[in-house]
């Protein structure tokens, strides 16, 4: 079981939108040195929606080969087509990824039965460990805890990233499934509370810009040290909010570019952070010490 801070890694891009492979390798080294527990490649933050299938597979393969087992690689392979999700998940398994992150099918708004059957089809088709991903604010579908509980008995469904940001719901999910699968936060502002309640880690946007602090906060929260975790979490709270002033990953890529970690490239329909938010993001970075 992977625990701790799992970075939802950005995909560095040049001004023309091409992938910056050198910057990607720098980020992978940075996270390993910072104590990040695992790399989640080509998820929402990695702009999976605007990468072609060949690019998607190549980024995963590049991460696996460059990291060379120094930390686990979780590959984002979800899609709103079950067949496409199976194709991407098979490719990630073939590339040597340690697990896959599978977002609920977006836009077509399946029923709870449809969600169950979707994930069952994936689990049967590909043996790789699979992590469910519920983010209703982006997908327009909400996978209920009752549905997750039914899937928790499937051997290769090993976890869920819950991005609802609802602490009460998180506690219910942990009570239902915490002994059967890993429960990860997908919401930086509420991640500490999820871990203190018995969750297993945080698949984090903020870790892109504050990897050392996020790794340490997760370590303390998982150890039950509320005071120590809160000291770091309180310092990061403004940054957690600022990184969502526009749709993720717009603010975090801009913040990283200001630190010289990546170029400012981002793919349409995403655009570079609007100037009106520059001061707020910079202030939040300063307050967080990054």
C-alpha atoms as a PDB file:
ATOM      1  CA  UNK A   1       0.000   0.000   0.000  1.00  0.00           C
ATOM      2  CA  UNK A   2       1.314   3.427  -0.973  1.00  0.00           C
ATOM      3  CA  UNK A   3       0.960   5.970   1.844  1.00  0.00           C
ATOM      4  CA  UNK A   4       1.875   9.611   2.323  1.00  0.00           C
ATOM      5  CA  UNK A   5       2.251  12.435  -0.173  1.00  0.00           C
ATOM      6  CA  UNK A   6       1.570  11.402  -3.761  1.00  0.00           C
ATOM      7  CA  UNK A   7       2.105  14.289  -6.147  1.00  0.00           C
ATOM      8  CA  UNK A   8      -0.466  14.788  -8.905  1.00  0.00           C
ATOM      9  CA  UNK A   9       2.354  15.761 -11.223  1.00  0.00           C
ATOM     10  CA  UNK A  10       2.056  18.499 -13.830  1.00  0.00           C
ATOM     11  CA  UNK A  11       3.181  17.730 -17.375  1.00  0.00           C
ATOM     12  CA  UNK A  12       5.788  20.402 -18.236  1.00  0.00           C
ATOM     13  CA  UNK A  13       5.233  22.014 -21.623  1.00  0.00           C
ATOM     14  CA  UNK A  14       7.066  24.486 -23.784  1.00  0.00           C
ATOM     15  CA  UNK A  15       5.404  27.657 -25.087  1.00  0.00           C
ATOM     16  CA  UNK A  16       4.206  25.796 -28.188  1.00  0.00           C
ATOM     17  CA  UNK A  17       2.536  23.095 -26.067  1.00  0.00           C
ATOM     18  CA  UNK A  18       5.131  20.407 -26.737  1.00  0.00           C
ATOM     19  CA  UNK A  19       6.193  18.287 -23.764  1.00  0.00           C
ATOM     20  CA  UNK A  20       9.401  19.394 -22.048  1.00  0.00           C
ATOM     21  CA  UNK A  21      11.018  16.042 -21.234  1.00  0.00           C
ATOM     22  CA  UNK A  22      14.055  17.571 -19.541  1.00  0.00           C
ATOM     23  CA  UNK A  23      11.858  19.572 -17.156  1.00  0.00           C
ATOM     24  CA  UNK A  24       9.844  16.439 -16.457  1.00  0.00           C
ATOM     25  CA  UNK A  25      12.978  14.590 -15.397  1.00  0.00           C
ATOM     26  CA  UNK A  26      13.986  17.505 -13.148  1.00  0.00           C
ATOM     27  CA  UNK A  27      10.605  17.351 -11.433  1.00  0.00           C
ATOM     28  CA  UNK A  28      10.872  13.612 -10.878  1.00  0.00           C
ATOM     29  CA  UNK A  29      14.284  14.059  -9.237  1.00  0.00           C
ATOM     30  CA  UNK A  30      12.980  16.959  -7.148  1.00  0.00           C
ATOM     31  CA  UNK A  31      10.145  14.872  -5.727  1.00  0.00           C
ATOM     32  CA  UNK A  32      12.316  11.897  -4.927  1.00  0.00           C
ATOM     33  CA  UNK A  33      14.756  14.171  -3.074  1.00  0.00           C
ATOM     34  CA  UNK A  34      11.867  15.939  -1.281  1.00  0.00           C
ATOM     35  CA  UNK A  35      10.439  12.737   0.160  1.00  0.00           C
ATOM     36  CA  UNK A  36       7.338  12.455  -2.012  1.00  0.00           C
ATOM     37  CA  UNK A  37       6.004   8.916  -1.587  1.00  0.00           C
ATOM     38  CA  UNK A  38       4.831   8.316  -5.170  1.00  0.00           C
ATOM     39  CA  UNK A  39       4.335  10.048  -8.503  1.00  0.00           C
ATOM     40  CA  UNK A  40       0.894  10.232 -10.094  1.00  0.00           C
ATOM     41  CA  UNK A  41       1.529  10.883 -13.780  1.00  0.00           C
ATOM     42  CA  UNK A  42      -0.992  12.142 -16.343  1.00  0.00           C
ATOM     43  CA  UNK A  43      -3.936  12.744 -14.071  1.00  0.00           C
ATOM     44  CA  UNK A  44      -6.089  15.864 -14.144  1.00  0.00           C
ATOM     45  CA  UNK A  45      -3.145  18.020 -13.059  1.00  0.00           C
ATOM     46  CA  UNK A  46      -1.039  16.371 -15.762  1.00  0.00           C
ATOM     47  CA  UNK A  47      -3.471  17.596 -18.441  1.00  0.00           C
ATOM     48  CA  UNK A  48      -4.597  14.110 -19.413  1.00  0.00           C
ATOM     49  CA  UNK A  49      -7.579  15.608 -21.222  1.00  0.00           C
ATOM     50  CA  UNK A  50      -5.397  17.366 -23.801  1.00  0.00           C
ATOM     51  CA  UNK A  51      -2.683  14.765 -24.375  1.00  0.00           C
ATOM     52  CA  UNK A  52      -3.093  12.402 -27.288  1.00  0.00           C
ATOM     53  CA  UNK A  53      -3.208   8.683 -26.478  1.00  0.00           C
ATOM     54  CA  UNK A  54       0.372   8.162 -27.753  1.00  0.00           C
ATOM     55  CA  UNK A  55       1.603  11.127 -25.676  1.00  0.00           C
ATOM     56  CA  UNK A  56      -0.312   9.872 -22.649  1.00  0.00           C
ATOM     57  CA  UNK A  57       1.375   6.483 -22.891  1.00  0.00           C
ATOM     58  CA  UNK A  58       4.786   7.993 -23.587  1.00  0.00           C
ATOM     59  CA  UNK A  59       4.700  10.239 -20.487  1.00  0.00           C
ATOM     60  CA  UNK A  60       3.859   7.235 -18.312  1.00  0.00           C
ATOM     61  CA  UNK A  61       6.605   5.149 -19.914  1.00  0.00           C
ATOM     62  CA  UNK A  62       9.131   7.971 -19.555  1.00  0.00           C
ATOM     63  CA  UNK A  63       8.322   8.409 -15.854  1.00  0.00           C
ATOM     64  CA  UNK A  64       8.600   4.684 -15.166  1.00  0.00           C
ATOM     65  CA  UNK A  65      11.929   4.353 -16.963  1.00  0.00           C
ATOM     66  CA  UNK A  66      13.485   7.513 -15.532  1.00  0.00           C
ATOM     67  CA  UNK A  67      12.385   6.894 -11.939  1.00  0.00           C
ATOM     68  CA  UNK A  68      13.638   3.285 -12.171  1.00  0.00           C
ATOM     69  CA  UNK A  69      11.801   2.014  -9.086  1.00  0.00           C
ATOM     70  CA  UNK A  70      13.021   4.806  -6.794  1.00  0.00           C
ATOM     71  CA  UNK A  71       9.369   5.548  -5.941  1.00  0.00           C
ATOM     72  CA  UNK A  72       6.109   4.026  -7.225  1.00  0.00           C
ATOM     73  CA  UNK A  73       4.492   5.428 -10.357  1.00  0.00           C
ATOM     74  CA  UNK A  74       0.696   5.704 -10.398  1.00  0.00           C
ATOM     75  CA  UNK A  75      -0.561   6.238 -13.951  1.00  0.00           C
ATOM     76  CA  UNK A  76      -3.706   8.198 -14.672  1.00  0.00           C
ATOM     77  CA  UNK A  77      -5.593   6.021 -17.159  1.00  0.00           C
ATOM     78  CA  UNK A  78      -9.248   6.938 -16.679  1.00  0.00           C
ATOM     79  CA  UNK A  79     -11.567   7.831 -19.544  1.00  0.00           C
ATOM     80  CA  UNK A  80     -15.274   8.311 -20.178  1.00  0.00           C
ATOM     81  CA  UNK A  81     -15.142   5.348 -22.539  1.00  0.00           C
ATOM     82  CA  UNK A  82     -14.630   2.039 -20.761  1.00  0.00           C
ATOM     83  CA  UNK A  83     -12.829   0.625 -23.801  1.00  0.00           C
ATOM     84  CA  UNK A  84     -10.420   3.564 -23.916  1.00  0.00           C
ATOM     85  CA  UNK A  85      -9.773   3.281 -20.172  1.00  0.00           C
ATOM     86  CA  UNK A  86      -8.942  -0.400 -20.628  1.00  0.00           C
ATOM     87  CA  UNK A  87      -6.591   0.454 -23.509  1.00  0.00           C
ATOM     88  CA  UNK A  88      -4.752   3.092 -21.475  1.00  0.00           C
ATOM     89  CA  UNK A  89      -4.604   0.871 -18.392  1.00  0.00           C
ATOM     90  CA  UNK A  90      -3.138  -2.017 -20.385  1.00  0.00           C
ATOM     91  CA  UNK A  91      -0.532   0.352 -21.811  1.00  0.00           C
ATOM     92  CA  UNK A  92       0.398   1.559 -18.322  1.00  0.00           C
ATOM     93  CA  UNK A  93       0.715  -2.001 -17.093  1.00  0.00           C
ATOM     94  CA  UNK A  94       2.905  -2.818 -20.075  1.00  0.00           C
ATOM     95  CA  UNK A  95       5.083   0.213 -19.337  1.00  0.00           C
ATOM     96  CA  UNK A  96       5.689  -1.020 -15.798  1.00  0.00           C
ATOM     97  CA  UNK A  97       3.523   1.384 -13.762  1.00  0.00           C
ATOM     98  CA  UNK A  98       2.875   0.278 -10.189  1.00  0.00           C
ATOM     99  CA  UNK A  99      -0.818   1.213 -10.158  1.00  0.00           C
ATOM    100  CA  UNK A 100      -3.418   3.119 -12.156  1.00  0.00           C
ATOM    101  CA  UNK A 101      -5.699   5.971 -11.150  1.00  0.00           C
ATOM    102  CA  UNK A 102      -9.108   5.745 -12.808  1.00  0.00           C
ATOM    103  CA  UNK A 103     -11.353   8.790 -12.767  1.00  0.00           C
ATOM    104  CA  UNK A 104     -15.102   8.278 -12.946  1.00  0.00           C
ATOM    105  CA  UNK A 105     -16.341   8.559 -16.555  1.00  0.00           C
ATOM    106  CA  UNK A 106     -16.947  12.261 -17.164  1.00  0.00           C
ATOM    107  CA  UNK A 107     -19.543  14.077 -19.251  1.00  0.00           C
ATOM    108  CA  UNK A 108     -21.751  11.066 -20.038  1.00  0.00           C
ATOM    109  CA  UNK A 109     -22.960  10.888 -16.400  1.00  0.00           C
ATOM    110  CA  UNK A 110     -23.369   7.133 -15.813  1.00  0.00           C
ATOM    111  CA  UNK A 111     -25.648   5.716 -13.125  1.00  0.00           C
ATOM    112  CA  UNK A 112     -24.259   4.059 -10.001  1.00  0.00           C
ATOM    113  CA  UNK A 113     -24.804   0.731 -11.743  1.00  0.00           C
ATOM    114  CA  UNK A 114     -22.888   2.025 -14.751  1.00  0.00           C
ATOM    115  CA  UNK A 115     -19.996   3.109 -12.527  1.00  0.00           C
ATOM    116  CA  UNK A 116     -19.910  -0.290 -10.834  1.00  0.00           C
ATOM    117  CA  UNK A 117     -19.904  -2.131 -14.154  1.00  0.00           C
ATOM    118  CA  UNK A 118     -17.266   0.229 -15.592  1.00  0.00           C
ATOM    119  CA  UNK A 119     -14.830  -0.465 -12.778  1.00  0.00           C
ATOM    120  CA  UNK A 120     -15.598  -4.171 -12.733  1.00  0.00           C
ATOM    121  CA  UNK A 121     -14.825  -4.350 -16.451  1.00  0.00           C
ATOM    122  CA  UNK A 122     -11.486  -2.615 -15.877  1.00  0.00           C
ATOM    123  CA  UNK A 123     -10.580  -4.837 -12.943  1.00  0.00           C
ATOM    124  CA  UNK A 124     -11.345  -7.969 -14.959  1.00  0.00           C
ATOM    125  CA  UNK A 125      -9.527  -6.761 -18.074  1.00  0.00           C
ATOM    126  CA  UNK A 126      -6.240  -5.632 -16.481  1.00  0.00           C
ATOM    127  CA  UNK A 127      -4.497  -7.129 -13.435  1.00  0.00           C
ATOM    128  CA  UNK A 128      -2.597  -3.996 -12.369  1.00  0.00           C
ATOM    129  CA  UNK A 129      -3.587  -2.482  -8.965  1.00  0.00           C
ATOM    130  CA  UNK A 130      -6.299   0.111  -9.553  1.00  0.00           C
ATOM    131  CA  UNK A 131      -7.267   3.234  -7.607  1.00  0.00           C
ATOM    132  CA  UNK A 132     -10.738   4.679  -8.083  1.00  0.00           C
ATOM    133  CA  UNK A 133     -11.036   8.463  -8.412  1.00  0.00           C
ATOM    134  CA  UNK A 134     -14.166  10.403  -7.504  1.00  0.00           C
ATOM    135  CA  UNK A 135     -14.110  14.125  -8.331  1.00  0.00           C
ATOM    136  CA  UNK A 136     -17.737  15.175  -8.934  1.00  0.00           C
ATOM    137  CA  UNK A 137     -16.848  18.851  -9.262  1.00  0.00           C
ATOM    138  CA  UNK A 138     -15.118  18.089 -12.563  1.00  0.00           C
ATOM    139  CA  UNK A 139     -16.874  14.993 -13.896  1.00  0.00           C
ATOM    140  CA  UNK A 140     -20.552  15.808 -13.250  1.00  0.00           C
ATOM    141  CA  UNK A 141     -21.020  12.370 -11.691  1.00  0.00           C
ATOM    142  CA  UNK A 142     -20.672  11.397  -8.032  1.00  0.00           C
ATOM    143  CA  UNK A 143     -19.728   7.842  -7.083  1.00  0.00           C
ATOM    144  CA  UNK A 144     -21.500   7.154  -3.810  1.00  0.00           C
ATOM    145  CA  UNK A 145     -19.754   5.536  -0.857  1.00  0.00           C
ATOM    146  CA  UNK A 146     -22.152   2.615  -1.172  1.00  0.00           C
ATOM    147  CA  UNK A 147     -20.870   1.938  -4.683  1.00  0.00           C
ATOM    148  CA  UNK A 148     -17.243   2.194  -3.561  1.00  0.00           C
ATOM    149  CA  UNK A 149     -17.981  -0.286  -0.765  1.00  0.00           C
ATOM    150  CA  UNK A 150     -19.191  -2.845  -3.318  1.00  0.00           C
ATOM    151  CA  UNK A 151     -16.003  -2.407  -5.330  1.00  0.00           C
ATOM    152  CA  UNK A 152     -13.722  -2.619  -2.294  1.00  0.00           C
ATOM    153  CA  UNK A 153     -13.928  -6.419  -2.286  1.00  0.00           C
ATOM    154  CA  UNK A 154     -12.371  -6.677  -5.760  1.00  0.00           C
ATOM    155  CA  UNK A 155      -8.784  -7.907  -5.329  1.00  0.00           C
ATOM    156  CA  UNK A 156      -7.021  -5.471  -7.662  1.00  0.00           C
ATOM    157  CA  UNK A 157      -9.090  -2.409  -6.708  1.00  0.00           C
ATOM    158  CA  UNK A 158      -6.726  -1.240  -4.009  1.00  0.00           C
ATOM    159  CA  UNK A 159      -7.735   2.341  -3.239  1.00  0.00           C
ATOM    160  CA  UNK A 160      -9.769   5.443  -3.932  1.00  0.00           C
ATOM    161  CA  UNK A 161      -8.889   9.092  -4.354  1.00  0.00           C
ATOM    162  CA  UNK A 162     -11.788  11.037  -2.882  1.00  0.00           C
ATOM    163  CA  UNK A 163     -11.883  14.662  -4.035  1.00  0.00           C
ATOM    164  CA  UNK A 164     -15.286  15.562  -2.616  1.00  0.00           C
ATOM    165  CA  UNK A 165     -13.697  17.687   0.111  1.00  0.00           C
ATOM    166  CA  UNK A 166     -16.373  16.519   2.567  1.00  0.00           C
ATOM    167  CA  UNK A 167     -14.816  15.416   5.895  1.00  0.00           C
ATOM    168  CA  UNK A 168     -17.991  13.737   7.142  1.00  0.00           C
ATOM    169  CA  UNK A 169     -18.298  11.759   3.949  1.00  0.00           C
ATOM    170  CA  UNK A 170     -14.593  10.884   4.149  1.00  0.00           C
ATOM    171  CA  UNK A 171     -15.066   9.453   7.630  1.00  0.00           C
ATOM    172  CA  UNK A 172     -17.973   7.351   6.407  1.00  0.00           C
ATOM    173  CA  UNK A 173     -15.860   6.093   3.507  1.00  0.00           C
ATOM    174  CA  UNK A 174     -13.017   5.164   5.869  1.00  0.00           C
ATOM    175  CA  UNK A 175     -15.449   3.318   8.153  1.00  0.00           C
ATOM    176  CA  UNK A 176     -16.884   1.374   5.213  1.00  0.00           C
ATOM    177  CA  UNK A 177     -13.717   0.639   3.245  1.00  0.00           C
ATOM    178  CA  UNK A 178     -10.612   1.626   5.197  1.00  0.00           C
ATOM    179  CA  UNK A 179      -9.730  -1.952   6.092  1.00  0.00           C
ATOM    180  CA  UNK A 180     -10.148  -3.145   2.498  1.00  0.00           C
ATOM    181  CA  UNK A 181      -8.517  -0.386   0.424  1.00  0.00           C
ATOM    182  CA  UNK A 182      -6.370   2.706   0.757  1.00  0.00           C
ATOM    183  CA  UNK A 183      -8.349   5.931   1.163  1.00  0.00           C
ATOM    184  CA  UNK A 184      -6.559   8.934  -0.326  1.00  0.00           C
ATOM    185  CA  UNK A 185      -7.579  12.572  -0.282  1.00  0.00           C
ATOM    186  CA  UNK A 186      -7.817  14.405  -3.575  1.00  0.00           C
ATOM    187  CA  UNK A 187      -8.513  17.726  -1.874  1.00  0.00           C
ATOM    188  CA  UNK A 188      -5.542  19.517  -0.321  1.00  0.00           C
ATOM    189  CA  UNK A 189      -7.552  21.720   2.105  1.00  0.00           C
ATOM    190  CA  UNK A 190      -9.168  18.693   3.815  1.00  0.00           C
ATOM    191  CA  UNK A 191      -6.404  16.109   3.334  1.00  0.00           C
ATOM    192  CA  UNK A 192      -4.986  16.419   6.844  1.00  0.00           C
ATOM    193  CA  UNK A 193      -8.335  15.644   8.451  1.00  0.00           C
ATOM    194  CA  UNK A 194      -8.829  12.617   6.205  1.00  0.00           C
ATOM    195  CA  UNK A 195      -5.444  11.200   7.236  1.00  0.00           C
ATOM    196  CA  UNK A 196      -5.998  11.911  10.923  1.00  0.00           C
ATOM    197  CA  UNK A 197      -9.326  10.068  10.623  1.00  0.00           C
ATOM    198  CA  UNK A 198      -7.613   6.941   9.318  1.00  0.00           C
ATOM    199  CA  UNK A 199      -6.964   7.692   5.648  1.00  0.00           C
ATOM    200  CA  UNK A 200      -3.732   6.711   3.971  1.00  0.00           C
ATOM    201  CA  UNK A 201      -2.402   9.723   2.065  1.00  0.00           C
ATOM    202  CA  UNK A 202      -2.959  12.688  -0.192  1.00  0.00           C
ATOM    203  CA  UNK A 203      -2.808  12.798  -3.989  1.00  0.00           C
ATOM    204  CA  UNK A 204      -1.828  16.416  -4.032  1.00  0.00           C
ATOM    205  CA  UNK A 205      -1.738  19.428  -6.335  1.00  0.00           C
ATOM    206  CA  UNK A 206       0.048  21.560  -3.744  1.00  0.00           C
ATOM    207  CA  UNK A 207       2.895  19.018  -3.552  1.00  0.00           C
ATOM    208  CA  UNK A 208       4.002  20.261  -6.989  1.00  0.00           C
ATOM    209  CA  UNK A 209       5.096  23.567  -5.494  1.00  0.00           C
ATOM    210  CA  UNK A 210       5.670  22.573  -1.827  1.00  0.00           C
ATOM    211  CA  UNK A 211       6.862  18.955  -1.975  1.00  0.00           C
ATOM    212  CA  UNK A 212       8.923  18.903   1.222  1.00  0.00           C
ATOM    213  CA  UNK A 213       6.205  20.493   3.344  1.00  0.00           C
ATOM    214  CA  UNK A 214       3.464  18.275   1.933  1.00  0.00           C
ATOM    215  CA  UNK A 215       5.522  15.128   2.499  1.00  0.00           C
ATOM    216  CA  UNK A 216       6.223  16.128   6.094  1.00  0.00           C
ATOM    217  CA  UNK A 217       2.610  17.129   6.793  1.00  0.00           C
ATOM    218  CA  UNK A 218       1.394  13.775   5.505  1.00  0.00           C
ATOM    219  CA  UNK A 219       3.983  11.921   7.577  1.00  0.00           C
ATOM    220  CA  UNK A 220       2.882  13.690  10.752  1.00  0.00           C
ATOM    221  CA  UNK A 221      -0.833  13.289  10.041  1.00  0.00           C
ATOM    222  CA  UNK A 222      -0.441   9.584   9.352  1.00  0.00           C
ATOM    223  CA  UNK A 223       1.392   9.271  12.681  1.00  0.00           C
ATOM    224  CA  UNK A 224      -1.532  10.938  14.450  1.00  0.00           C
ATOM    225  CA  UNK A 225       0.399  14.106  15.297  1.00  0.00           C
ATOM    226  CA  UNK A 226      -2.346  16.707  14.911  1.00  0.00           C
ATOM    227  CA  UNK A 227      -0.295  19.544  16.379  1.00  0.00           C
ATOM    228  CA  UNK A 228       2.708  18.987  14.132  1.00  0.00           C
ATOM    229  CA  UNK A 229       0.636  18.387  11.016  1.00  0.00           C
ATOM    230  CA  UNK A 230      -1.522  21.440  11.715  1.00  0.00           C
ATOM    231  CA  UNK A 231       1.497  23.730  11.984  1.00  0.00           C
ATOM    232  CA  UNK A 232       2.455  22.877   8.401  1.00  0.00           C
ATOM    233  CA  UNK A 233      -1.104  22.626   7.107  1.00  0.00           C
ATOM    234  CA  UNK A 234      -1.982  26.083   8.435  1.00  0.00           C
ATOM    235  CA  UNK A 235       1.015  27.559   6.644  1.00  0.00           C
ATOM    236  CA  UNK A 236      -0.041  25.882   3.376  1.00  0.00           C
ATOM    237  CA  UNK A 237      -3.741  26.736   3.677  1.00  0.00           C
ATOM    238  CA  UNK A 238      -3.601  29.941   1.641  1.00  0.00           C
ATOM    239  CA  UNK A 239      -1.616  28.204  -1.084  1.00  0.00           C
ATOM    240  CA  UNK A 240      -4.092  25.319  -1.169  1.00  0.00           C
ATOM    241  CA  UNK A 241      -6.827  27.848  -1.942  1.00  0.00           C
ATOM    242  CA  UNK A 242      -4.841  30.031  -4.340  1.00  0.00           C
ATOM    243  CA  UNK A 243      -4.010  27.060  -6.553  1.00  0.00           C
ATOM    244  CA  UNK A 244      -7.687  26.842  -7.456  1.00  0.00           C
ATOM    245  CA  UNK A 245      -8.363  30.502  -8.282  1.00  0.00           C
ATOM    246  CA  UNK A 246      -8.681  29.239 -11.847  1.00  0.00           C
ATOM    247  CA  UNK A 247      -9.159  25.660 -12.989  1.00  0.00           C
ATOM    248  CA  UNK A 248      -6.369  23.264 -12.048  1.00  0.00           C
ATOM    249  CA  UNK A 249      -3.613  23.091 -13.288  1.00  0.00           C
ATOM    250  CA  UNK A 250      -3.577  26.721 -14.459  1.00  0.00           C
ATOM    251  CA  UNK A 251      -2.452  28.310 -11.156  1.00  0.00           C
ATOM    252  CA  UNK A 252       0.013  25.601 -10.117  1.00  0.00           C
ATOM    253  CA  UNK A 253       1.768  25.597 -13.492  1.00  0.00           C
ATOM    254  CA  UNK A 254       2.088  29.382 -13.353  1.00  0.00           C
ATOM    255  CA  UNK A 255       3.425  29.213  -9.781  1.00  0.00           C
ATOM    256  CA  UNK A 256       5.977  26.597 -10.774  1.00  0.00           C
ATOM    257  CA  UNK A 257       7.060  28.695 -13.744  1.00  0.00           C
ATOM    258  CA  UNK A 258       7.694  31.640 -11.395  1.00  0.00           C
ATOM    259  CA  UNK A 259      10.112  29.430  -9.480  1.00  0.00           C
ATOM    260  CA  UNK A 260      11.821  28.344 -12.683  1.00  0.00           C
ATOM    261  CA  UNK A 261      10.754  24.731 -12.293  1.00  0.00           C
ATOM    262  CA  UNK A 262       8.959  24.525 -15.643  1.00  0.00           C
ATOM    263  CA  UNK A 263       8.220  26.727 -18.672  1.00  0.00           C
ATOM    264  CA  UNK A 264       4.852  28.496 -18.801  1.00  0.00           C
ATOM    265  CA  UNK A 265       3.454  26.185 -21.478  1.00  0.00           C
ATOM    266  CA  UNK A 266      -0.104  24.891 -21.113  1.00  0.00           C
ATOM    267  CA  UNK A 267      -2.485  23.500 -23.720  1.00  0.00           C
ATOM    268  CA  UNK A 268      -5.708  24.995 -24.928  1.00  0.00           C
ATOM    269  CA  UNK A 269      -8.441  25.195 -23.856  1.00  0.00           C
ATOM    270  CA  UNK A 270      -6.445  25.904 -20.685  1.00  0.00           C
ATOM    271  CA  UNK A 271      -4.684  29.280 -20.698  1.00  0.00           C
ATOM    272  CA  UNK A 272      -1.931  30.883 -18.630  1.00  0.00           C
ATOM    273  CA  UNK A 273      -3.133  32.293 -15.293  1.00  0.00           C
ATOM    274  CA  UNK A 274      -4.997  35.586 -15.685  1.00  0.00           C
ATOM    275  CA  UNK A 275      -2.993  38.597 -14.544  1.00  0.00           C
ATOM    276  CA  UNK A 276      -5.624  39.547 -11.957  1.00  0.00           C
ATOM    277  CA  UNK A 277      -4.626  36.463  -9.914  1.00  0.00           C
ATOM    278  CA  UNK A 278      -0.850  36.848 -10.106  1.00  0.00           C
ATOM    279  CA  UNK A 279      -0.557  38.853  -6.894  1.00  0.00           C
ATOM    280  CA  UNK A 280      -2.768  36.474  -4.922  1.00  0.00           C
ATOM    281  CA  UNK A 281      -0.798  33.409  -5.970  1.00  0.00           C
ATOM    282  CA  UNK A 282       2.546  35.105  -5.281  1.00  0.00           C
ATOM    283  CA  UNK A 283       1.331  36.235  -1.839  1.00  0.00           C
ATOM    284  CA  UNK A 284       0.170  32.714  -1.033  1.00  0.00           C
ATOM    285  CA  UNK A 285       3.537  31.308  -2.129  1.00  0.00           C
ATOM    286  CA  UNK A 286       5.352  33.799   0.073  1.00  0.00           C
ATOM    287  CA  UNK A 287       3.137  33.029   3.075  1.00  0.00           C
ATOM    288  CA  UNK A 288       3.751  29.312   2.581  1.00  0.00           C
ATOM    289  CA  UNK A 289       7.497  29.834   2.364  1.00  0.00           C
ATOM    290  CA  UNK A 290       7.838  28.571  -1.186  1.00  0.00           C
END
